[in-house]
Amino acid sequence: MIVLGIDPGLANTGFGVVARRAGRLVALDGGVITTSAQTSPELRLKQIFDGIAELLSTHQPDAVALEELYFGANVGSAMAVGQARGVVLLAAGQRGLGCHGYTPQQVKAAVCGSGRAGKDQVGRMVQSLLGLTELPRPDHAADALAVAICHGNHAPLLEAAALAGAQA
């Protein structure tokens, strides 16, 4: 199973690709799709879409996992994140890929054991869980890898529950 994890954002959309091999998750790719504030919003969204489409073509993931929208104090920022999230959903939908959303707290709990873990702790745990020689950088890439890990560990449980429901 290959999972494309996404930490959506208009300026920086983090991505991480993980695969389950011999019962262990390994990193295949990670980084950030960056757009400039000097570029019009519609072109920024197209850049994100094109970057995600390229990742989908290159890695052929079985699923896409995205961090859910967090509504903090900045509504404008939340709207921009929602737009970036929308183009990721569209790119996956065009390929018939299932998308799975996880809250930041779910991701942190899945990777660190606590939904209140800090960014440094998330980065160190991603490094450890994936056997990376260095901390994943920047933070958006580490967060995206954490989202992919979260789904990679939840997917077998989701499949088992779906199977049990179908047999009931």
N, C-alpha and C. Protein backbone atom coordinates (compact mmCIF):
# COMPACT_ATOMS: atom_id res chain seq x y z
N MET A 1 0.84 -1.18 0.00
CA MET A 1 0.00 0.00 0.00
C MET A 1 0.89 1.24 0.00
N ILE A 2 0.54 2.19 -0.86
CA ILE A 2 1.25 3.47 -0.93
C ILE A 2 0.25 4.57 -0.59
N VAL A 3 0.66 5.48 0.30
CA VAL A 3 -0.20 6.59 0.74
C VAL A 3 0.50 7.91 0.45
N LEU A 4 -0.25 8.83 -0.16
CA LEU A 4 0.21 10.21 -0.34
C LEU A 4 -0.43 11.03 0.77
N GLY A 5 0.40 11.54 1.67
CA GLY A 5 -0.07 12.39 2.75
C GLY A 5 0.10 13.85 2.37
N ILE A 6 -0.89 14.67 2.73
CA ILE A 6 -0.88 16.08 2.36
C ILE A 6 -1.15 16.96 3.58
N ASP A 7 -0.32 17.98 3.73
CA ASP A 7 -0.54 19.06 4.70
C ASP A 7 -0.86 20.29 3.84
N PRO A 8 -2.17 20.56 3.60
CA PRO A 8 -2.54 21.58 2.62
C PRO A 8 -2.28 23.00 3.10
N GLY A 9 -1.93 23.85 2.15
CA GLY A 9 -1.75 25.27 2.40
C GLY A 9 -1.57 25.97 1.07
N LEU A 10 -1.96 27.23 0.99
CA LEU A 10 -1.85 27.96 -0.26
C LEU A 10 -0.39 28.33 -0.54
N ALA A 11 0.33 28.78 0.46
CA ALA A 11 1.74 29.14 0.27
C ALA A 11 2.63 27.90 0.24
N ASN A 12 2.34 26.94 1.11
CA ASN A 12 3.15 25.73 1.23
C ASN A 12 2.24 24.53 1.42
N THR A 13 2.22 23.64 0.45
CA THR A 13 1.48 22.38 0.58
C THR A 13 2.52 21.28 0.77
N GLY A 14 2.55 20.73 1.97
CA GLY A 14 3.49 19.66 2.25
C GLY A 14 2.97 18.35 1.70
N PHE A 15 3.90 17.50 1.25
CA PHE A 15 3.52 16.18 0.78
C PHE A 15 4.51 15.15 1.30
N GLY A 16 3.99 13.96 1.53
CA GLY A 16 4.82 12.85 1.96
C GLY A 16 4.24 11.57 1.40
N VAL A 17 5.10 10.73 0.87
CA VAL A 17 4.66 9.46 0.30
C VAL A 17 5.29 8.34 1.11
N VAL A 18 4.45 7.45 1.63
CA VAL A 18 4.95 6.31 2.39
C VAL A 18 4.36 5.03 1.80
N ALA A 19 5.11 3.95 1.96
CA ALA A 19 4.66 2.63 1.50
C ALA A 19 4.82 1.64 2.64
N ARG A 20 3.91 0.68 2.69
CA ARG A 20 4.03 -0.41 3.66
C ARG A 20 4.77 -1.54 2.96
N ARG A 21 5.91 -1.90 3.52
CA ARG A 21 6.73 -2.98 2.97
C ARG A 21 7.14 -3.91 4.10
N ALA A 22 6.80 -5.15 3.96
CA ALA A 22 7.14 -6.17 4.97
C ALA A 22 6.65 -5.73 6.36
N GLY A 23 5.45 -5.18 6.41
CA GLY A 23 4.85 -4.78 7.67
C GLY A 23 5.40 -3.48 8.26
N ARG A 24 6.24 -2.78 7.52
CA ARG A 24 6.86 -1.54 8.02
C ARG A 24 6.61 -0.41 7.03
N LEU A 25 6.43 0.80 7.55
CA LEU A 25 6.26 1.96 6.69
C LEU A 25 7.62 2.55 6.32
N VAL A 26 7.78 2.87 5.04
CA VAL A 26 9.02 3.49 4.56
C VAL A 26 8.67 4.74 3.75
N ALA A 27 9.52 5.73 3.82
CA ALA A 27 9.31 6.97 3.07
C ALA A 27 9.81 6.80 1.64
N LEU A 28 8.97 7.22 0.70
CA LEU A 28 9.36 7.21 -0.71
C LEU A 28 9.69 8.60 -1.22
N ASP A 29 9.04 9.62 -0.62
CA ASP A 29 9.22 10.99 -1.11
C ASP A 29 8.65 11.94 -0.06
N GLY A 30 9.07 13.16 -0.10
CA GLY A 30 8.54 14.18 0.79
C GLY A 30 9.07 15.54 0.39
N GLY A 31 8.27 16.56 0.61
CA GLY A 31 8.68 17.90 0.26
C GLY A 31 7.54 18.87 0.34
N VAL A 32 7.69 19.98 -0.35
CA VAL A 32 6.70 21.05 -0.29
C VAL A 32 6.46 21.62 -1.69
N ILE A 33 5.21 21.84 -2.01
CA ILE A 33 4.85 22.59 -3.21
C ILE A 33 4.66 24.03 -2.73
N THR A 34 5.50 24.94 -3.21
CA THR A 34 5.48 26.32 -2.75
C THR A 34 4.94 27.22 -3.84
N THR A 35 4.08 28.17 -3.43
CA THR A 35 3.57 29.17 -4.36
C THR A 35 3.88 30.56 -3.81
N SER A 36 3.97 31.52 -4.71
CA SER A 36 4.33 32.88 -4.34
C SER A 36 3.09 33.73 -4.07
N ALA A 37 3.17 34.56 -3.05
CA ALA A 37 2.09 35.49 -2.73
C ALA A 37 1.90 36.53 -3.84
N GLN A 38 2.90 36.70 -4.68
CA GLN A 38 2.79 37.66 -5.79
C GLN A 38 2.01 37.07 -6.97
N THR A 39 1.72 35.79 -6.93
CA THR A 39 0.98 35.12 -7.99
C THR A 39 -0.51 35.16 -7.64
N SER A 40 -1.36 35.26 -8.66
CA SER A 40 -2.80 35.32 -8.42
C SER A 40 -3.29 34.00 -7.80
N PRO A 41 -4.34 34.07 -6.98
CA PRO A 41 -4.82 32.86 -6.29
C PRO A 41 -5.15 31.70 -7.23
N GLU A 42 -5.77 32.00 -8.37
CA GLU A 42 -6.14 30.91 -9.27
C GLU A 42 -4.92 30.21 -9.86
N LEU A 43 -3.85 30.96 -10.10
CA LEU A 43 -2.62 30.34 -10.61
C LEU A 43 -1.88 29.58 -9.52
N ARG A 44 -1.97 30.07 -8.29
CA ARG A 44 -1.37 29.34 -7.16
C ARG A 44 -2.05 27.99 -6.98
N LEU A 45 -3.39 28.00 -7.07
CA LEU A 45 -4.14 26.75 -6.94
C LEU A 45 -3.82 25.79 -8.08
N LYS A 46 -3.62 26.33 -9.28
CA LYS A 46 -3.24 25.49 -10.41
C LYS A 46 -1.86 24.87 -10.18
N GLN A 47 -0.93 25.64 -9.61
CA GLN A 47 0.40 25.11 -9.32
C GLN A 47 0.30 23.94 -8.33
N ILE A 48 -0.55 24.09 -7.32
CA ILE A 48 -0.74 23.02 -6.34
C ILE A 48 -1.35 21.81 -7.03
N PHE A 49 -2.39 22.05 -7.82
CA PHE A 49 -3.06 20.95 -8.53
C PHE A 49 -2.06 20.21 -9.41
N ASP A 50 -1.28 20.96 -10.19
CA ASP A 50 -0.30 20.34 -11.10
C ASP A 50 0.74 19.53 -10.32
N GLY A 51 1.19 20.07 -9.19
CA GLY A 51 2.17 19.36 -8.37
C GLY A 51 1.61 18.07 -7.81
N ILE A 52 0.36 18.11 -7.33
CA ILE A 52 -0.28 16.91 -6.79
C ILE A 52 -0.51 15.91 -7.91
N ALA A 53 -0.96 16.38 -9.08
CA ALA A 53 -1.19 15.48 -10.21
C ALA A 53 0.11 14.76 -10.59
N GLU A 54 1.21 15.48 -10.56
CA GLU A 54 2.51 14.86 -10.88
C GLU A 54 2.88 13.81 -9.84
N LEU A 55 2.65 14.11 -8.55
CA LEU A 55 2.94 13.14 -7.50
C LEU A 55 2.07 11.89 -7.66
N LEU A 56 0.81 12.08 -8.01
CA LEU A 56 -0.10 10.94 -8.20
C LEU A 56 0.36 10.08 -9.37
N SER A 57 0.81 10.72 -10.44
CA SER A 57 1.30 9.97 -11.60
C SER A 57 2.60 9.24 -11.29
N THR A 58 3.48 9.90 -10.58
CA THR A 58 4.79 9.33 -10.27
C THR A 58 4.70 8.15 -9.31
N HIS A 59 3.92 8.31 -8.23
CA HIS A 59 3.92 7.32 -7.15
C HIS A 59 2.75 6.35 -7.19
N GLN A 60 1.72 6.65 -7.96
CA GLN A 60 0.55 5.77 -8.07
C GLN A 60 0.05 5.30 -6.69
N PRO A 61 -0.28 6.25 -5.79
CA PRO A 61 -0.71 5.83 -4.45
C PRO A 61 -2.06 5.12 -4.48
N ASP A 62 -2.29 4.34 -3.45
CA ASP A 62 -3.56 3.65 -3.27
C ASP A 62 -4.57 4.54 -2.56
N ALA A 63 -4.09 5.54 -1.86
CA ALA A 63 -4.96 6.45 -1.12
C ALA A 63 -4.27 7.78 -0.90
N VAL A 64 -5.08 8.80 -0.66
CA VAL A 64 -4.60 10.13 -0.31
C VAL A 64 -5.14 10.44 1.07
N ALA A 65 -4.28 10.92 1.94
CA ALA A 65 -4.67 11.32 3.29
C ALA A 65 -4.34 12.79 3.46
N LEU A 66 -5.31 13.55 3.97
CA LEU A 66 -5.13 14.99 4.13
C LEU A 66 -5.39 15.40 5.57
N GLU A 67 -4.65 16.41 5.98
CA GLU A 67 -4.95 17.00 7.27
C GLU A 67 -6.24 17.80 7.13
N GLU A 68 -7.15 17.61 8.08
CA GLU A 68 -8.41 18.35 8.08
C GLU A 68 -8.16 19.82 8.37
N LEU A 69 -9.10 20.62 7.97
CA LEU A 69 -9.02 22.06 8.16
C LEU A 69 -9.13 22.40 9.64
N TYR A 70 -8.23 23.22 10.11
CA TYR A 70 -8.25 23.68 11.50
C TYR A 70 -8.67 25.14 11.50
N PHE A 71 -9.78 25.44 12.14
CA PHE A 71 -10.26 26.82 12.20
C PHE A 71 -9.72 27.48 13.45
N GLY A 72 -8.64 28.19 13.29
CA GLY A 72 -8.07 28.95 14.39
C GLY A 72 -8.62 30.36 14.37
N ALA A 73 -7.83 31.28 14.81
CA ALA A 73 -8.26 32.67 14.88
C ALA A 73 -8.29 33.33 13.50
N ASN A 74 -7.53 32.83 12.54
CA ASN A 74 -7.40 33.47 11.24
C ASN A 74 -8.30 32.80 10.20
N VAL A 75 -9.47 33.38 9.98
CA VAL A 75 -10.44 32.82 9.04
C VAL A 75 -9.92 32.90 7.61
N GLY A 76 -9.23 33.98 7.27
CA GLY A 76 -8.67 34.12 5.92
C GLY A 76 -7.70 33.01 5.60
N SER A 77 -6.86 32.67 6.55
CA SER A 77 -5.90 31.58 6.37
C SER A 77 -6.64 30.25 6.21
N ALA A 78 -7.68 30.05 7.01
CA ALA A 78 -8.47 28.81 6.91
C ALA A 78 -9.11 28.68 5.53
N MET A 79 -9.56 29.79 4.97
CA MET A 79 -10.18 29.75 3.64
C MET A 79 -9.13 29.35 2.59
N ALA A 80 -7.94 29.91 2.68
CA ALA A 80 -6.88 29.58 1.73
C ALA A 80 -6.49 28.10 1.84
N VAL A 81 -6.41 27.59 3.06
CA VAL A 81 -6.10 26.17 3.27
C VAL A 81 -7.22 25.32 2.69
N GLY A 82 -8.47 25.74 2.87
CA GLY A 82 -9.61 25.02 2.31
C GLY A 82 -9.56 24.97 0.79
N GLN A 83 -9.13 26.05 0.17
CA GLN A 83 -9.01 26.06 -1.29
C GLN A 83 -7.92 25.10 -1.74
N ALA A 84 -6.79 25.11 -1.07
CA ALA A 84 -5.70 24.19 -1.41
C ALA A 84 -6.15 22.75 -1.22
N ARG A 85 -6.87 22.51 -0.13
CA ARG A 85 -7.38 21.18 0.15
C ARG A 85 -8.33 20.73 -0.96
N GLY A 86 -9.14 21.67 -1.45
CA GLY A 86 -10.09 21.36 -2.52
C GLY A 86 -9.42 20.90 -3.80
N VAL A 87 -8.32 21.54 -4.19
CA VAL A 87 -7.65 21.12 -5.42
C VAL A 87 -6.97 19.76 -5.25
N VAL A 88 -6.54 19.45 -4.04
CA VAL A 88 -5.98 18.12 -3.78
C VAL A 88 -7.09 17.07 -3.93
N LEU A 89 -8.26 17.36 -3.35
CA LEU A 89 -9.39 16.44 -3.46
C LEU A 89 -9.78 16.24 -4.92
N LEU A 90 -9.78 17.31 -5.69
CA LEU A 90 -10.11 17.23 -7.11
C LEU A 90 -9.11 16.36 -7.86
N ALA A 91 -7.82 16.57 -7.63
CA ALA A 91 -6.79 15.78 -8.31
C ALA A 91 -6.96 14.30 -7.99
N ALA A 92 -7.22 13.98 -6.73
CA ALA A 92 -7.43 12.58 -6.34
C ALA A 92 -8.73 12.04 -6.94
N GLY A 93 -9.77 12.85 -6.90
CA GLY A 93 -11.07 12.43 -7.43
C GLY A 93 -11.01 12.13 -8.92
N GLN A 94 -10.25 12.89 -9.65
CA GLN A 94 -10.11 12.64 -11.08
C GLN A 94 -9.49 11.28 -11.36
N ARG A 95 -8.75 10.76 -10.41
CA ARG A 95 -8.11 9.44 -10.58
C ARG A 95 -8.86 8.34 -9.84
N GLY A 96 -9.99 8.70 -9.26
CA GLY A 96 -10.80 7.71 -8.54
C GLY A 96 -10.17 7.24 -7.25
N LEU A 97 -9.29 8.05 -6.68
CA LEU A 97 -8.62 7.68 -5.43
C LEU A 97 -9.44 8.11 -4.22
N GLY A 98 -9.51 7.26 -3.23
CA GLY A 98 -10.15 7.61 -1.98
C GLY A 98 -9.31 8.59 -1.20
N CYS A 99 -9.98 9.53 -0.55
CA CYS A 99 -9.31 10.52 0.31
C CYS A 99 -9.79 10.34 1.73
N HIS A 100 -8.88 10.48 2.65
CA HIS A 100 -9.18 10.29 4.07
C HIS A 100 -8.65 11.48 4.84
N GLY A 101 -9.51 12.07 5.66
CA GLY A 101 -9.13 13.24 6.43
C GLY A 101 -8.85 12.91 7.88
N TYR A 102 -7.85 13.56 8.44
CA TYR A 102 -7.48 13.38 9.83
C TYR A 102 -7.24 14.75 10.45
N THR A 103 -7.74 14.94 11.66
CA THR A 103 -7.50 16.20 12.36
C THR A 103 -6.04 16.26 12.80
N PRO A 104 -5.52 17.45 13.04
CA PRO A 104 -4.15 17.54 13.54
C PRO A 104 -3.94 16.72 14.82
N GLN A 105 -4.95 16.70 15.68
CA GLN A 105 -4.84 15.93 16.93
C GLN A 105 -4.78 14.43 16.66
N GLN A 106 -5.55 13.94 15.68
CA GLN A 106 -5.50 12.52 15.33
C GLN A 106 -4.13 12.15 14.79
N VAL A 107 -3.58 13.01 13.95
CA VAL A 107 -2.27 12.74 13.36
C VAL A 107 -1.20 12.70 14.45
N LYS A 108 -1.20 13.70 15.32
CA LYS A 108 -0.21 13.75 16.40
C LYS A 108 -0.34 12.54 17.31
N ALA A 109 -1.58 12.16 17.64
CA ALA A 109 -1.79 11.00 18.51
C ALA A 109 -1.30 9.72 17.83
N ALA A 110 -1.54 9.59 16.53
CA ALA A 110 -1.12 8.39 15.80
C ALA A 110 0.40 8.27 15.72
N VAL A 111 1.08 9.41 15.60
CA VAL A 111 2.52 9.40 15.42
C VAL A 111 3.27 9.49 16.75
N CYS A 112 2.75 10.29 17.68
CA CYS A 112 3.47 10.56 18.92
C CYS A 112 2.82 9.97 20.17
N GLY A 113 1.58 9.54 20.04
CA GLY A 113 0.88 9.02 21.22
C GLY A 113 0.13 10.09 21.98
N SER A 114 0.26 11.34 21.56
CA SER A 114 -0.43 12.46 22.21
C SER A 114 -0.88 13.46 21.16
N GLY A 115 -2.15 13.86 21.25
CA GLY A 115 -2.70 14.84 20.32
C GLY A 115 -2.18 16.24 20.57
N ARG A 116 -1.40 16.44 21.62
CA ARG A 116 -0.86 17.76 21.96
C ARG A 116 0.64 17.86 21.68
N ALA A 117 1.18 16.92 20.94
CA ALA A 117 2.63 16.92 20.66
C ALA A 117 3.01 18.16 19.86
N GLY A 118 4.22 18.64 20.09
CA GLY A 118 4.73 19.79 19.36
C GLY A 118 5.33 19.39 18.02
N LYS A 119 5.60 20.41 17.19
CA LYS A 119 6.15 20.15 15.85
C LYS A 119 7.49 19.41 15.92
N ASP A 120 8.34 19.77 16.85
CA ASP A 120 9.64 19.09 16.98
C ASP A 120 9.46 17.61 17.30
N GLN A 121 8.53 17.32 18.20
CA GLN A 121 8.29 15.93 18.58
C GLN A 121 7.73 15.14 17.39
N VAL A 122 6.82 15.76 16.62
CA VAL A 122 6.27 15.10 15.44
C VAL A 122 7.39 14.79 14.45
N GLY A 123 8.26 15.75 14.20
CA GLY A 123 9.37 15.54 13.28
C GLY A 123 10.29 14.42 13.71
N ARG A 124 10.62 14.38 15.01
CA ARG A 124 11.50 13.32 15.52
C ARG A 124 10.85 11.95 15.42
N MET A 125 9.54 11.88 15.71
CA MET A 125 8.85 10.60 15.62
C MET A 125 8.71 10.14 14.17
N VAL A 126 8.46 11.06 13.25
CA VAL A 126 8.41 10.71 11.83
C VAL A 126 9.76 10.15 11.42
N GLN A 127 10.83 10.81 11.82
CA GLN A 127 12.17 10.34 11.50
C GLN A 127 12.38 8.92 12.03
N SER A 128 11.99 8.69 13.27
CA SER A 128 12.17 7.38 13.89
C SER A 128 11.30 6.31 13.24
N LEU A 129 10.03 6.61 13.04
CA LEU A 129 9.10 5.62 12.49
C LEU A 129 9.45 5.22 11.06
N LEU A 130 10.01 6.15 10.30
CA LEU A 130 10.35 5.86 8.90
C LEU A 130 11.83 5.50 8.71
N GLY A 131 12.59 5.52 9.80
CA GLY A 131 14.00 5.17 9.71
C GLY A 131 14.82 6.14 8.88
N LEU A 132 14.48 7.44 8.98
CA LEU A 132 15.19 8.46 8.21
C LEU A 132 16.48 8.84 8.91
N THR A 133 17.51 9.14 8.14
CA THR A 133 18.79 9.53 8.74
C THR A 133 18.76 10.96 9.26
N GLU A 134 17.87 11.79 8.71
CA GLU A 134 17.76 13.19 9.15
C GLU A 134 16.31 13.52 9.43
N LEU A 135 16.11 14.58 10.21
CA LEU A 135 14.74 15.07 10.43
C LEU A 135 14.16 15.54 9.11
N PRO A 136 12.91 15.19 8.84
CA PRO A 136 12.30 15.69 7.60
C PRO A 136 12.09 17.20 7.69
N ARG A 137 12.47 17.90 6.67
CA ARG A 137 12.35 19.35 6.61
C ARG A 137 11.77 19.75 5.29
N PRO A 138 11.05 20.84 5.19
CA PRO A 138 10.60 21.69 6.29
C PRO A 138 9.45 21.03 7.07
N ASP A 139 8.91 21.76 8.05
CA ASP A 139 7.85 21.23 8.90
C ASP A 139 6.65 20.74 8.10
N HIS A 140 6.32 21.42 7.00
CA HIS A 140 5.16 21.01 6.20
C HIS A 140 5.36 19.61 5.62
N ALA A 141 6.58 19.28 5.24
CA ALA A 141 6.88 17.94 4.72
C ALA A 141 6.78 16.91 5.85
N ALA A 142 7.30 17.25 7.02
CA ALA A 142 7.21 16.35 8.18
C ALA A 142 5.76 16.10 8.54
N ASP A 143 4.95 17.16 8.52
CA ASP A 143 3.53 17.02 8.84
C ASP A 143 2.82 16.13 7.82
N ALA A 144 3.17 16.29 6.55
CA ALA A 144 2.55 15.48 5.51
C ALA A 144 2.94 14.01 5.66
N LEU A 145 4.20 13.75 5.98
CA LEU A 145 4.63 12.37 6.23
C LEU A 145 3.88 11.80 7.43
N ALA A 146 3.65 12.63 8.46
CA ALA A 146 2.90 12.18 9.63
C ALA A 146 1.46 11.82 9.25
N VAL A 147 0.85 12.60 8.36
CA VAL A 147 -0.51 12.30 7.89
C VAL A 147 -0.50 10.96 7.15
N ALA A 148 0.50 10.74 6.32
CA ALA A 148 0.59 9.48 5.58
C ALA A 148 0.79 8.30 6.54
N ILE A 149 1.62 8.48 7.56
CA ILE A 149 1.82 7.43 8.57
C ILE A 149 0.51 7.14 9.28
N CYS A 150 -0.20 8.19 9.65
CA CYS A 150 -1.48 8.04 10.34
C CYS A 150 -2.41 7.16 9.51
N HIS A 151 -2.54 7.47 8.23
CA HIS A 151 -3.43 6.66 7.40
C HIS A 151 -2.86 5.27 7.16
N GLY A 152 -1.56 5.19 6.96
CA GLY A 152 -0.94 3.88 6.76
C GLY A 152 -1.20 2.93 7.91
N ASN A 153 -1.27 3.47 9.12
CA ASN A 153 -1.56 2.64 10.29
C ASN A 153 -3.05 2.42 10.50
N HIS A 154 -3.89 3.34 10.02
CA HIS A 154 -5.34 3.19 10.17
C HIS A 154 -5.97 2.36 9.07
N ALA A 155 -5.38 2.38 7.87
CA ALA A 155 -5.98 1.71 6.72
C ALA A 155 -6.29 0.24 6.96
N PRO A 156 -5.37 -0.55 7.55
CA PRO A 156 -5.72 -1.96 7.79
C PRO A 156 -6.93 -2.10 8.72
N LEU A 157 -7.04 -1.20 9.70
CA LEU A 157 -8.19 -1.24 10.61
C LEU A 157 -9.48 -0.88 9.88
N LEU A 158 -9.40 0.13 9.00
CA LEU A 158 -10.58 0.52 8.21
C LEU A 158 -11.02 -0.61 7.30
N GLU A 159 -10.07 -1.30 6.68
CA GLU A 159 -10.40 -2.42 5.80
C GLU A 159 -11.03 -3.57 6.58
N ALA A 160 -10.49 -3.87 7.75
CA ALA A 160 -11.05 -4.94 8.58
C ALA A 160 -12.46 -4.60 9.03
N ALA A 161 -12.69 -3.35 9.40
CA ALA A 161 -14.04 -2.93 9.83
C ALA A 161 -15.02 -3.00 8.67
N ALA A 162 -14.59 -2.61 7.48
CA ALA A 162 -15.46 -2.67 6.30
C ALA A 162 -15.79 -4.11 5.96
N LEU A 163 -14.80 -4.99 6.08
CA LEU A 163 -15.03 -6.40 5.82
C LEU A 163 -16.00 -7.01 6.82
N ALA A 164 -15.82 -6.66 8.10
CA ALA A 164 -16.71 -7.17 9.14
C ALA A 164 -18.13 -6.66 8.93
N GLY A 165 -18.26 -5.40 8.52
CA GLY A 165 -19.58 -4.84 8.25
C GLY A 165 -20.26 -5.50 7.07
N ALA A 166 -19.49 -5.86 6.05
CA ALA A 166 -20.04 -6.51 4.86
C ALA A 166 -20.49 -7.94 5.18
N GLN A 167 -19.83 -8.57 6.13
CA GLN A 167 -20.19 -9.95 6.48
C GLN A 167 -21.33 -10.01 7.47
N ALA A 168 -21.65 -8.90 8.11
CA ALA A 168 -22.71 -8.90 9.14
C ALA A 168 -24.09 -8.91 8.54
